Amino acid sequence: MAWNKIYFNAQNIEGETAKAVLIKMPKKSSFANYSFWHPAKLVREEGGKGYHCSFSFTDDWEFTLKTKTTSQTINADQMFKAFEVVNEQVSSYNGK
């Protein structure tokens, strides 16, 4: 089972508990206004003066996205596509 990592901006973190982090979907994605909970142990700070974070997941992971009124489930491929622009920006910054 392969693990994946998506980089994102710390400003996308909407809330945290001891066990999970609430991450807001990118505004420029087709899932704008949605958020999802992800296990805290799979969310890491990645540098960029504390602004860059990542979350890890397996190929068969299912994400439950929620707004105040609706929810939907997406798979790993859809999550990669939603975070594509942000992931590239943060990855290239960390590569410098």
N, C-alpha and C. Protein backbone atom coordinates (compact mmCIF):
# COMPACT_ATOMS: atom_id res chain seq x y z
N MET A 1 0.85 -1.18 0.00
CA MET A 1 0.00 0.00 0.00
C MET A 1 0.89 1.24 0.00
N ALA A 2 0.66 2.10 -0.99
CA ALA A 2 1.50 3.29 -1.13
C ALA A 2 0.93 4.47 -0.34
N TRP A 3 1.84 5.25 0.23
CA TRP A 3 1.45 6.47 0.94
C TRP A 3 1.65 7.68 0.05
N ASN A 4 0.77 8.64 0.15
CA ASN A 4 0.83 9.88 -0.62
C ASN A 4 0.91 11.05 0.35
N LYS A 5 1.41 12.17 -0.17
CA LYS A 5 1.50 13.37 0.66
C LYS A 5 1.08 14.57 -0.19
N ILE A 6 0.22 15.40 0.38
CA ILE A 6 -0.18 16.64 -0.28
C ILE A 6 0.24 17.79 0.62
N TYR A 7 0.89 18.78 0.00
CA TYR A 7 1.31 19.98 0.72
C TYR A 7 0.20 21.02 0.64
N PHE A 8 0.05 21.80 1.71
CA PHE A 8 -0.96 22.86 1.72
C PHE A 8 -0.52 23.97 2.66
N ASN A 9 -1.22 25.08 2.60
CA ASN A 9 -0.90 26.24 3.41
C ASN A 9 -1.54 26.11 4.79
N ALA A 10 -0.82 26.47 5.82
CA ALA A 10 -1.33 26.37 7.20
C ALA A 10 -2.60 27.19 7.40
N GLN A 11 -2.81 28.20 6.57
CA GLN A 11 -4.03 29.01 6.68
C GLN A 11 -5.28 28.19 6.35
N ASN A 12 -5.12 27.02 5.74
CA ASN A 12 -6.25 26.15 5.43
C ASN A 12 -6.70 25.32 6.63
N ILE A 13 -5.98 25.42 7.74
CA ILE A 13 -6.39 24.69 8.95
C ILE A 13 -7.45 25.51 9.66
N GLU A 14 -8.64 24.93 9.79
CA GLU A 14 -9.77 25.63 10.41
C GLU A 14 -9.93 25.28 11.89
N GLY A 15 -9.42 24.12 12.29
CA GLY A 15 -9.56 23.72 13.68
C GLY A 15 -8.73 22.49 13.97
N GLU A 16 -8.50 22.24 15.25
CA GLU A 16 -7.72 21.08 15.66
C GLU A 16 -8.26 20.52 16.95
N THR A 17 -8.20 19.20 17.08
CA THR A 17 -8.47 18.53 18.34
C THR A 17 -7.23 17.71 18.66
N ALA A 18 -7.24 16.96 19.72
CA ALA A 18 -6.10 16.12 20.08
C ALA A 18 -5.86 15.06 19.01
N LYS A 19 -6.91 14.63 18.34
CA LYS A 19 -6.77 13.51 17.41
C LYS A 19 -6.95 13.86 15.94
N ALA A 20 -7.46 15.05 15.61
CA ALA A 20 -7.76 15.36 14.21
C ALA A 20 -7.59 16.84 13.91
N VAL A 21 -7.40 17.12 12.61
CA VAL A 21 -7.23 18.49 12.12
C VAL A 21 -8.31 18.74 11.07
N LEU A 22 -8.98 19.89 11.17
CA LEU A 22 -9.99 20.28 10.20
C LEU A 22 -9.31 21.12 9.12
N ILE A 23 -9.29 20.59 7.89
CA ILE A 23 -8.60 21.25 6.78
C ILE A 23 -9.63 21.75 5.77
N LYS A 24 -9.46 23.00 5.38
CA LYS A 24 -10.35 23.63 4.40
C LYS A 24 -9.84 23.31 3.00
N MET A 25 -10.74 22.98 2.10
CA MET A 25 -10.37 22.71 0.71
C MET A 25 -9.96 24.03 0.03
N PRO A 26 -9.08 23.95 -0.99
CA PRO A 26 -8.64 25.17 -1.68
C PRO A 26 -9.80 25.92 -2.33
N LYS A 27 -9.72 27.26 -2.29
CA LYS A 27 -10.77 28.09 -2.88
C LYS A 27 -10.88 27.87 -4.39
N LYS A 28 -9.76 27.55 -5.04
CA LYS A 28 -9.77 27.41 -6.50
C LYS A 28 -10.10 25.99 -6.95
N SER A 29 -10.50 25.15 -6.03
CA SER A 29 -10.87 23.78 -6.41
C SER A 29 -12.37 23.69 -6.61
N SER A 30 -12.81 22.58 -7.18
CA SER A 30 -14.25 22.38 -7.37
C SER A 30 -14.94 22.05 -6.05
N PHE A 31 -14.15 21.94 -4.96
CA PHE A 31 -14.71 21.65 -3.64
C PHE A 31 -14.55 22.83 -2.69
N ALA A 32 -14.50 24.04 -3.23
CA ALA A 32 -14.41 25.24 -2.40
C ALA A 32 -15.59 25.24 -1.43
N ASN A 33 -15.39 25.78 -0.26
CA ASN A 33 -16.39 25.83 0.83
C ASN A 33 -16.51 24.52 1.60
N TYR A 34 -15.82 23.47 1.17
CA TYR A 34 -15.84 22.21 1.90
C TYR A 34 -14.63 22.12 2.82
N SER A 35 -14.75 21.33 3.88
CA SER A 35 -13.65 21.03 4.80
C SER A 35 -13.69 19.54 5.10
N PHE A 36 -12.58 19.03 5.64
CA PHE A 36 -12.57 17.62 6.04
C PHE A 36 -11.68 17.44 7.26
N TRP A 37 -12.02 16.45 8.09
CA TRP A 37 -11.20 16.10 9.25
C TRP A 37 -10.19 15.07 8.81
N HIS A 38 -8.94 15.21 9.27
CA HIS A 38 -7.88 14.26 8.95
C HIS A 38 -7.14 13.93 10.25
N PRO A 39 -6.71 12.68 10.43
CA PRO A 39 -6.00 12.32 11.67
C PRO A 39 -4.79 13.22 11.92
N ALA A 40 -4.68 13.75 13.12
CA ALA A 40 -3.60 14.68 13.47
C ALA A 40 -2.22 14.07 13.26
N LYS A 41 -2.08 12.77 13.50
CA LYS A 41 -0.76 12.14 13.35
C LYS A 41 -0.31 12.07 11.88
N LEU A 42 -1.23 12.34 10.94
CA LEU A 42 -0.89 12.33 9.52
C LEU A 42 -0.76 13.74 8.94
N VAL A 43 -0.84 14.76 9.81
CA VAL A 43 -0.68 16.16 9.38
C VAL A 43 0.62 16.67 9.98
N ARG A 44 1.49 17.25 9.13
CA ARG A 44 2.80 17.70 9.61
C ARG A 44 3.11 19.11 9.13
N GLU A 45 3.91 19.80 9.94
CA GLU A 45 4.44 21.09 9.52
C GLU A 45 5.64 20.80 8.63
N GLU A 46 5.75 21.54 7.51
CA GLU A 46 6.80 21.25 6.53
C GLU A 46 7.74 22.42 6.28
N GLY A 47 7.83 23.36 7.19
CA GLY A 47 8.74 24.48 6.98
C GLY A 47 8.01 25.70 6.43
N GLY A 48 8.72 26.52 5.65
CA GLY A 48 8.12 27.75 5.14
C GLY A 48 7.70 28.66 6.27
N LYS A 49 8.54 28.77 7.30
CA LYS A 49 8.26 29.58 8.50
C LYS A 49 6.95 29.17 9.17
N GLY A 50 6.63 27.88 9.10
CA GLY A 50 5.44 27.38 9.76
C GLY A 50 4.17 27.47 8.92
N TYR A 51 4.29 28.04 7.71
CA TYR A 51 3.11 28.20 6.86
C TYR A 51 2.81 26.97 6.01
N HIS A 52 3.80 26.11 5.80
CA HIS A 52 3.60 24.96 4.93
C HIS A 52 3.39 23.69 5.75
N CYS A 53 2.33 22.98 5.40
CA CYS A 53 1.99 21.74 6.08
C CYS A 53 1.76 20.67 5.02
N SER A 54 1.62 19.44 5.48
CA SER A 54 1.25 18.36 4.57
C SER A 54 0.32 17.41 5.29
N PHE A 55 -0.44 16.65 4.51
CA PHE A 55 -1.21 15.55 5.08
C PHE A 55 -0.96 14.31 4.25
N SER A 56 -0.87 13.19 4.92
CA SER A 56 -0.55 11.91 4.26
C SER A 56 -1.78 11.01 4.27
N PHE A 57 -1.82 10.14 3.26
CA PHE A 57 -2.93 9.20 3.12
C PHE A 57 -2.54 8.10 2.14
N THR A 58 -3.26 6.99 2.19
CA THR A 58 -2.99 5.87 1.29
C THR A 58 -3.83 6.01 0.02
N ASP A 59 -3.48 5.20 -0.99
CA ASP A 59 -4.17 5.24 -2.29
C ASP A 59 -5.67 4.98 -2.17
N ASP A 60 -6.06 4.15 -1.21
CA ASP A 60 -7.48 3.79 -1.11
C ASP A 60 -8.24 4.62 -0.07
N TRP A 61 -7.64 5.72 0.38
CA TRP A 61 -8.26 6.58 1.38
C TRP A 61 -9.52 7.23 0.81
N GLU A 62 -10.54 7.36 1.63
CA GLU A 62 -11.75 8.09 1.24
C GLU A 62 -11.90 9.29 2.17
N PHE A 63 -12.09 10.45 1.59
CA PHE A 63 -12.23 11.70 2.34
C PHE A 63 -13.70 12.10 2.37
N THR A 64 -14.21 12.44 3.53
CA THR A 64 -15.58 12.94 3.64
C THR A 64 -15.52 14.45 3.78
N LEU A 65 -15.95 15.14 2.73
CA LEU A 65 -15.95 16.60 2.71
C LEU A 65 -17.29 17.09 3.21
N LYS A 66 -17.26 18.16 4.01
CA LYS A 66 -18.51 18.68 4.56
C LYS A 66 -18.58 20.20 4.47
N THR A 67 -19.80 20.69 4.25
CA THR A 67 -20.11 22.10 4.45
C THR A 67 -21.12 22.11 5.60
N LYS A 68 -21.67 23.26 5.89
CA LYS A 68 -22.67 23.31 6.97
C LYS A 68 -23.91 22.50 6.63
N THR A 69 -24.20 22.36 5.33
CA THR A 69 -25.46 21.71 4.94
C THR A 69 -25.30 20.41 4.16
N THR A 70 -24.15 20.17 3.54
CA THR A 70 -24.00 18.97 2.71
C THR A 70 -22.69 18.25 3.01
N SER A 71 -22.61 17.01 2.55
CA SER A 71 -21.35 16.27 2.63
C SER A 71 -21.24 15.37 1.41
N GLN A 72 -20.00 15.05 1.05
CA GLN A 72 -19.76 14.13 -0.04
C GLN A 72 -18.43 13.45 0.19
N THR A 73 -18.26 12.30 -0.43
CA THR A 73 -17.03 11.53 -0.28
C THR A 73 -16.25 11.58 -1.58
N ILE A 74 -14.94 11.83 -1.46
CA ILE A 74 -14.07 11.80 -2.64
C ILE A 74 -12.91 10.86 -2.38
N ASN A 75 -12.26 10.43 -3.46
CA ASN A 75 -11.13 9.50 -3.33
C ASN A 75 -9.80 10.25 -3.42
N ALA A 76 -8.71 9.50 -3.34
CA ALA A 76 -7.36 10.10 -3.34
C ALA A 76 -7.08 10.88 -4.62
N ASP A 77 -7.49 10.35 -5.78
CA ASP A 77 -7.25 11.05 -7.05
C ASP A 77 -7.96 12.41 -7.09
N GLN A 78 -9.19 12.44 -6.61
CA GLN A 78 -9.94 13.70 -6.59
C GLN A 78 -9.29 14.70 -5.63
N MET A 79 -8.75 14.19 -4.53
CA MET A 79 -8.08 15.06 -3.56
C MET A 79 -6.82 15.67 -4.17
N PHE A 80 -6.03 14.83 -4.90
CA PHE A 80 -4.84 15.35 -5.57
C PHE A 80 -5.21 16.46 -6.55
N LYS A 81 -6.26 16.23 -7.32
CA LYS A 81 -6.68 17.22 -8.31
C LYS A 81 -7.11 18.52 -7.63
N ALA A 82 -7.84 18.42 -6.53
CA ALA A 82 -8.32 19.61 -5.81
C ALA A 82 -7.17 20.45 -5.27
N PHE A 83 -6.11 19.78 -4.79
CA PHE A 83 -4.98 20.49 -4.19
C PHE A 83 -3.82 20.71 -5.17
N GLU A 84 -4.02 20.39 -6.44
CA GLU A 84 -2.94 20.42 -7.42
C GLU A 84 -2.12 21.70 -7.41
N VAL A 85 -2.75 22.85 -7.55
CA VAL A 85 -2.03 24.13 -7.64
C VAL A 85 -1.29 24.42 -6.34
N VAL A 86 -1.96 24.29 -5.21
CA VAL A 86 -1.34 24.58 -3.91
C VAL A 86 -0.18 23.63 -3.66
N ASN A 87 -0.38 22.34 -3.95
CA ASN A 87 0.63 21.32 -3.74
C ASN A 87 1.90 21.65 -4.54
N GLU A 88 1.73 22.07 -5.79
CA GLU A 88 2.90 22.42 -6.64
C GLU A 88 3.63 23.64 -6.09
N GLN A 89 2.88 24.65 -5.66
CA GLN A 89 3.51 25.87 -5.14
C GLN A 89 4.33 25.58 -3.90
N VAL A 90 3.77 24.86 -2.95
CA VAL A 90 4.47 24.58 -1.70
C VAL A 90 5.63 23.62 -1.94
N SER A 91 5.43 22.62 -2.80
CA SER A 91 6.50 21.66 -3.10
C SER A 91 7.69 22.37 -3.71
N SER A 92 7.44 23.28 -4.66
CA SER A 92 8.55 23.97 -5.31
C SER A 92 9.26 24.90 -4.33
N TYR A 93 8.53 25.52 -3.42
CA TYR A 93 9.14 26.38 -2.40
C TYR A 93 10.06 25.54 -1.50
N ASN A 94 9.57 24.38 -1.07
CA ASN A 94 10.37 23.53 -0.20
C ASN A 94 11.57 22.93 -0.91
N GLY A 95 11.53 22.89 -2.24
CA GLY A 95 12.64 22.35 -3.00
C GLY A 95 13.80 23.32 -3.12
N LYS A 96 13.57 24.59 -2.81
CA LYS A 96 14.62 25.63 -2.93
C LYS A 96 15.57 25.59 -1.77
